Protein backbone atom coordinates (compact mmCIF):
# COMPACT_ATOMS: atom_id res chain seq x y z
CA MET A 1 27.47 -0.74 -4.97
CA GLU A 2 27.44 0.42 -1.38
CA ARG A 3 26.38 -2.63 0.56
CA VAL A 4 25.26 -6.26 0.24
CA ARG A 5 23.29 -7.92 3.05
CA LEU A 6 22.43 -11.58 3.42
CA ILE A 7 19.30 -12.05 5.54
CA ARG A 8 17.97 -15.32 6.93
CA LYS A 9 14.24 -15.58 7.58
CA ALA A 10 11.98 -18.51 8.39
CA ASP A 11 11.18 -19.17 4.74
CA GLY A 12 14.71 -18.85 3.36
CA TYR A 13 17.64 -16.56 2.66
CA TYR A 14 17.40 -13.15 1.01
CA CYS A 15 20.10 -10.95 -0.46
CA GLN A 16 19.72 -7.15 -0.43
CA PHE A 17 21.79 -4.89 -2.66
CA ARG A 18 22.21 -1.18 -2.03
CA ILE A 19 23.32 0.79 -5.05
CA ASN A 20 24.19 4.48 -5.09
CA ARG A 21 23.07 6.07 -8.33
CA ASP A 22 22.42 9.69 -9.31
CA VAL A 23 19.32 10.05 -11.45
CA ARG A 24 18.32 13.47 -12.65
CA GLU A 25 15.76 14.36 -15.22
CA ASP A 26 15.84 17.97 -16.29
CA SER A 27 12.43 19.07 -17.46
CA GLU A 28 11.17 22.32 -18.87
CA PRO A 29 8.30 24.03 -17.05
CA THR A 30 5.08 23.74 -19.07
CA GLY A 31 3.37 26.78 -17.59
CA LYS A 32 0.21 24.75 -16.99
CA ALA A 33 -1.36 24.52 -13.55
CA ILE A 34 -4.23 22.55 -12.10
CA GLY A 35 -6.21 22.81 -8.91
CA LEU A 36 -7.01 19.84 -6.67
CA ASP A 37 -9.71 19.70 -4.02
CA VAL A 38 -9.51 16.83 -1.54
CA GLY A 39 -12.86 15.85 -0.08
CA LEU A 40 -14.83 13.20 1.77
CA GLU A 41 -17.24 12.18 -1.02
CA SER A 42 -14.50 11.84 -3.63
CA PHE A 43 -10.79 11.37 -3.11
CA TYR A 44 -10.05 14.48 -5.13
CA THR A 45 -11.63 16.72 -7.74
CA ASP A 46 -9.42 18.59 -10.19
CA SER A 47 -10.03 21.97 -11.81
CA ASP A 48 -11.53 20.30 -14.92
CA GLY A 49 -14.26 18.64 -12.81
CA GLU A 50 -12.76 15.14 -12.99
CA LYS A 51 -13.42 13.15 -9.82
CA GLN A 52 -11.45 10.24 -8.43
CA ASN A 53 -13.41 7.86 -6.22
CA ASN A 54 -12.34 7.53 -2.63
CA PRO A 55 -10.48 4.24 -2.01
CA ARG A 56 -12.24 2.33 0.75
CA PHE A 57 -9.29 0.44 2.23
CA LEU A 58 -10.53 0.71 5.80
CA ARG A 59 -14.02 -0.56 5.02
CA THR A 60 -12.86 -3.54 2.94
CA GLY A 61 -10.15 -4.40 5.46
CA LYS A 62 -12.61 -4.19 8.33
CA GLU A 63 -15.08 -6.50 6.58
CA LYS A 64 -12.36 -9.06 5.89
CA LEU A 65 -11.15 -8.87 9.49
CA GLN A 66 -14.68 -9.47 10.78
CA PHE A 67 -15.05 -12.49 8.49
CA LEU A 68 -11.74 -13.99 9.65
CA GLN A 69 -12.51 -13.34 13.33
CA ARG A 70 -15.90 -15.09 13.02
CA ARG A 71 -14.21 -18.02 11.30
CA LYS A 72 -11.58 -18.27 14.02
CA PHE A 73 -14.22 -18.02 16.78
CA ARG A 74 -15.89 -21.19 15.46
CA LYS A 75 -12.66 -23.21 15.66
CA GLN A 76 -11.76 -25.23 18.72
CA LYS A 77 -8.94 -23.80 20.86
CA GLY A 78 -5.72 -25.74 20.60
CA SER A 79 -6.60 -27.41 17.30
CA SER A 80 -4.20 -27.30 14.36
CA ASN A 81 -6.88 -25.62 12.19
CA ARG A 82 -7.19 -22.59 14.47
CA ASN A 83 -4.26 -20.65 12.97
């Protein structure tokens, strides 16, 4: 164990442990290779034709932000419900 830290935050105390450990996994090369194509329509397409859909984090986050901003706009300034 290298280090132990005790941290105080607003919601309580936290303890962090830092451990130094060597982990090595020796693996044999399989000789297999794949090709990946990163694109706009799909996140990636591999050499077998499998497609992974593009995660839409920005779009879903933006929609949620718009909803929360509209909700906050309707609240009265200085009220306890405006947070």
